[in-house]
Amino acid sequence: QVQFVESGGGLVQPGGSLTLSCAASGFTLDAYNIGWFRQAPGKEREGVSCISMKDNSYHTDSVKGRFTISRDNAKRTVYLQMNNLKPEDTAVYYCAKARFGSTWCTLQRSLYHYWGQGTQVTVSS
């Protein structure tokens, strides 16, 4: 079955960096779009970044220029490199599999149907 294991979260000071990993199993990783989402306390889950089957990426405006998404199909892993972190980036981060693969990806939640368990990212001094 489809499974994700996220790792790499933790506590970091503002301006610091973290790299999240999402290890996937149960499906052919390079045939699908993959997204990273986050949910802060009391807020709805929001899309952060996605990578398409063709390795094109998209980022929500608040993380553009700071976050990079990539994948290593041989390792069956998708990464989210996060730089210049801000307190407002504090959230539980989830990776998710889209229902299909395409040239470009979007962060529309309804297009994603399998989710990891999440990893906590806390940005605080």
C-alpha atoms as a PDB file:
ATOM      1  CA  GLN A   1       0.000   0.000   0.000  1.00  0.00           C
ATOM      2  CA  VAL A   2       0.999   3.635  -0.396  1.00  0.00           C
ATOM      3  CA  GLN A   3       3.047   4.881   2.517  1.00  0.00           C
ATOM      4  CA  PHE A   4       5.087   7.967   3.323  1.00  0.00           C
ATOM      5  CA  VAL A   5       7.555   8.504   6.143  1.00  0.00           C
ATOM      6  CA  GLU A   6       8.499  12.143   6.727  1.00  0.00           C
ATOM      7  CA  SER A   7      11.596  13.113   8.685  1.00  0.00           C
ATOM      8  CA  GLY A   8      13.922  16.038   9.237  1.00  0.00           C
ATOM      9  CA  GLY A   9      11.721  18.324  11.291  1.00  0.00           C
ATOM     10  CA  GLY A  10      12.841  19.989  14.475  1.00  0.00           C
ATOM     11  CA  LEU A  11      13.478  23.248  16.282  1.00  0.00           C
ATOM     12  CA  VAL A  12      15.421  25.913  14.417  1.00  0.00           C
ATOM     13  CA  GLN A  13      16.118  29.597  14.994  1.00  0.00           C
ATOM     14  CA  PRO A  14      14.738  32.245  12.646  1.00  0.00           C
ATOM     15  CA  GLY A  15      16.952  32.487   9.603  1.00  0.00           C
ATOM     16  CA  GLY A  16      18.019  28.877   9.909  1.00  0.00           C
ATOM     17  CA  SER A  17      17.564  25.950   7.543  1.00  0.00           C
ATOM     18  CA  LEU A  18      16.069  22.480   7.567  1.00  0.00           C
ATOM     19  CA  THR A  19      15.684  19.761   4.987  1.00  0.00           C
ATOM     20  CA  LEU A  20      12.616  17.555   5.202  1.00  0.00           C
ATOM     21  CA  SER A  21      12.597  14.094   3.636  1.00  0.00           C
ATOM     22  CA  CYS A  22       9.621  12.064   2.496  1.00  0.00           C
ATOM     23  CA  ALA A  23      10.368   8.395   1.868  1.00  0.00           C
ATOM     24  CA  ALA A  24       7.698   6.825  -0.355  1.00  0.00           C
ATOM     25  CA  SER A  25       6.671   3.238  -0.931  1.00  0.00           C
ATOM     26  CA  GLY A  26       3.861   1.299  -2.566  1.00  0.00           C
ATOM     27  CA  PHE A  27       3.772   3.161  -5.874  1.00  0.00           C
ATOM     28  CA  THR A  28       6.016   4.343  -8.690  1.00  0.00           C
ATOM     29  CA  LEU A  29       7.285   7.675  -7.372  1.00  0.00           C
ATOM     30  CA  ASP A  30       8.287   9.224 -10.700  1.00  0.00           C
ATOM     31  CA  ALA A  31       4.844   8.628 -12.209  1.00  0.00           C
ATOM     32  CA  TYR A  32       3.051  11.037  -9.863  1.00  0.00           C
ATOM     33  CA  ASN A  33       3.103  14.605  -8.667  1.00  0.00           C
ATOM     34  CA  ILE A  34       4.098  14.984  -5.020  1.00  0.00           C
ATOM     35  CA  GLY A  35       3.246  17.865  -2.719  1.00  0.00           C
ATOM     36  CA  TRP A  36       4.323  19.244   0.628  1.00  0.00           C
ATOM     37  CA  PHE A  37       1.614  20.774   2.806  1.00  0.00           C
ATOM     38  CA  ARG A  38       1.658  22.253   6.294  1.00  0.00           C
ATOM     39  CA  GLN A  39      -0.786  22.857   9.088  1.00  0.00           C
ATOM     40  CA  ALA A  40      -0.260  25.307  11.910  1.00  0.00           C
ATOM     41  CA  PRO A  41      -2.298  25.143  15.124  1.00  0.00           C
ATOM     42  CA  GLY A  42      -5.800  26.486  14.577  1.00  0.00           C
ATOM     43  CA  LYS A  43      -5.299  26.865  10.832  1.00  0.00           C
ATOM     44  CA  GLU A  44      -6.282  24.890   7.774  1.00  0.00           C
ATOM     45  CA  ARG A  45      -3.784  22.716   5.978  1.00  0.00           C
ATOM     46  CA  GLU A  46      -2.152  24.694   3.187  1.00  0.00           C
ATOM     47  CA  GLY A  47      -0.050  23.773   0.205  1.00  0.00           C
ATOM     48  CA  VAL A  48       3.627  24.729   0.343  1.00  0.00           C
ATOM     49  CA  SER A  49       5.436  23.200  -2.636  1.00  0.00           C
ATOM     50  CA  CYS A  50       4.900  20.513  -5.232  1.00  0.00           C
ATOM     51  CA  ILE A  51       6.949  18.721  -7.845  1.00  0.00           C
ATOM     52  CA  SER A  52       5.464  17.292 -11.007  1.00  0.00           C
ATOM     53  CA  MET A  53       6.120  14.016 -12.726  1.00  0.00           C
ATOM     54  CA  LYS A  54       8.340  16.033 -15.103  1.00  0.00           C
ATOM     55  CA  ASP A  55      10.231  17.579 -12.162  1.00  0.00           C
ATOM     56  CA  ASN A  56       8.681  21.010 -12.585  1.00  0.00           C
ATOM     57  CA  SER A  57       8.061  22.672  -9.252  1.00  0.00           C
ATOM     58  CA  TYR A  58       5.629  25.169  -7.823  1.00  0.00           C
ATOM     59  CA  HIS A  59       5.748  27.059  -4.522  1.00  0.00           C
ATOM     60  CA  THR A  60       3.196  29.092  -2.663  1.00  0.00           C
ATOM     61  CA  ASP A  61       4.051  32.796  -2.598  1.00  0.00           C
ATOM     62  CA  SER A  62       5.076  32.892   1.059  1.00  0.00           C
ATOM     63  CA  VAL A  63       7.966  30.434   0.513  1.00  0.00           C
ATOM     64  CA  LYS A  64       9.164  31.403  -2.974  1.00  0.00           C
ATOM     65  CA  GLY A  65      12.868  32.029  -2.997  1.00  0.00           C
ATOM     66  CA  ARG A  66      13.309  30.253   0.354  1.00  0.00           C
ATOM     67  CA  PHE A  67      12.090  26.661  -0.207  1.00  0.00           C
ATOM     68  CA  THR A  68      13.218  24.148  -2.833  1.00  0.00           C
ATOM     69  CA  ILE A  69      11.547  20.837  -3.615  1.00  0.00           C
ATOM     70  CA  SER A  70      13.368  17.960  -5.270  1.00  0.00           C
ATOM     71  CA  ARG A  71      13.125  14.223  -5.689  1.00  0.00           C
ATOM     72  CA  ASP A  72      15.519  11.298  -5.901  1.00  0.00           C
ATOM     73  CA  ASN A  73      13.650   8.530  -7.656  1.00  0.00           C
ATOM     74  CA  ALA A  74      16.391   5.985  -7.013  1.00  0.00           C
ATOM     75  CA  LYS A  75      16.020   6.595  -3.279  1.00  0.00           C
ATOM     76  CA  ARG A  76      12.239   6.944  -3.595  1.00  0.00           C
ATOM     77  CA  THR A  77      12.464  10.166  -1.608  1.00  0.00           C
ATOM     78  CA  VAL A  78      11.174  13.713  -2.030  1.00  0.00           C
ATOM     79  CA  TYR A  79      12.957  16.560  -0.240  1.00  0.00           C
ATOM     80  CA  LEU A  80      11.947  20.018   0.921  1.00  0.00           C
ATOM     81  CA  GLN A  81      14.920  22.278   1.500  1.00  0.00           C
ATOM     82  CA  MET A  82      13.834  25.214   3.669  1.00  0.00           C
ATOM     83  CA  ASN A  83      16.098  28.243   4.068  1.00  0.00           C
ATOM     84  CA  ASN A  84      15.717  31.548   5.893  1.00  0.00           C
ATOM     85  CA  LEU A  85      13.006  30.068   8.055  1.00  0.00           C
ATOM     86  CA  LYS A  86      10.557  32.389   9.779  1.00  0.00           C
ATOM     87  CA  PRO A  87       8.356  31.888  12.857  1.00  0.00           C
ATOM     88  CA  GLU A  88       5.329  31.788  10.574  1.00  0.00           C
ATOM     89  CA  ASP A  89       6.739  28.640   8.959  1.00  0.00           C
ATOM     90  CA  THR A  90       6.059  26.780  12.212  1.00  0.00           C
ATOM     91  CA  ALA A  91       3.691  23.902  11.437  1.00  0.00           C
ATOM     92  CA  VAL A  92       3.384  20.177  10.967  1.00  0.00           C
ATOM     93  CA  TYR A  93       4.605  19.400   7.448  1.00  0.00           C
ATOM     94  CA  TYR A  94       3.061  16.589   5.399  1.00  0.00           C
ATOM     95  CA  CYS A  95       3.972  15.069   2.072  1.00  0.00           C
ATOM     96  CA  ALA A  96       1.225  13.777  -0.178  1.00  0.00           C
ATOM     97  CA  LYS A  97       0.762  11.866  -3.417  1.00  0.00           C
ATOM     98  CA  ALA A  98      -1.361  13.386  -6.169  1.00  0.00           C
ATOM     99  CA  ARG A  99      -3.993  11.314  -7.917  1.00  0.00           C
ATOM    100  CA  PHE A 100      -2.011  11.577 -11.165  1.00  0.00           C
ATOM    101  CA  GLY A 101       1.234  12.679 -12.788  1.00  0.00           C
ATOM    102  CA  SER A 102       1.424  15.651 -15.129  1.00  0.00           C
ATOM    103  CA  THR A 103       3.832  18.151 -16.641  1.00  0.00           C
ATOM    104  CA  TRP A 104       2.953  20.803 -14.044  1.00  0.00           C
ATOM    105  CA  CYS A 105       1.660  20.429 -10.495  1.00  0.00           C
ATOM    106  CA  THR A 106      -0.742  22.412  -8.355  1.00  0.00           C
ATOM    107  CA  LEU A 107      -1.381  22.605  -4.611  1.00  0.00           C
ATOM    108  CA  GLN A 108      -5.114  21.974  -4.778  1.00  0.00           C
ATOM    109  CA  ARG A 109      -5.726  19.689  -1.816  1.00  0.00           C
ATOM    110  CA  SER A 110      -8.489  17.677  -3.459  1.00  0.00           C
ATOM    111  CA  LEU A 111      -5.984  16.423  -6.026  1.00  0.00           C
ATOM    112  CA  TYR A 112      -3.983  14.623  -3.318  1.00  0.00           C
ATOM    113  CA  HIS A 113      -5.188  11.399  -1.766  1.00  0.00           C
ATOM    114  CA  TYR A 114      -2.432   9.796   0.263  1.00  0.00           C
ATOM    115  CA  TRP A 115      -0.734  11.612   3.133  1.00  0.00           C
ATOM    116  CA  GLY A 116       2.179  11.007   5.441  1.00  0.00           C
ATOM    117  CA  GLN A 117       1.996  11.276   9.219  1.00  0.00           C
ATOM    118  CA  GLY A 118       3.725  14.647   9.318  1.00  0.00           C
ATOM    119  CA  THR A 119       6.843  16.089  10.876  1.00  0.00           C
ATOM    120  CA  GLN A 120       6.915  19.087  13.216  1.00  0.00           C
ATOM    121  CA  VAL A 121       8.873  22.196  12.269  1.00  0.00           C
ATOM    122  CA  THR A 122       9.228  24.882  14.929  1.00  0.00           C
ATOM    123  CA  VAL A 123      10.950  28.170  14.177  1.00  0.00           C
ATOM    124  CA  SER A 124      11.683  30.061  17.347  1.00  0.00           C
ATOM    125  CA  SER A 125      14.476  31.869  19.147  1.00  0.00           C
END
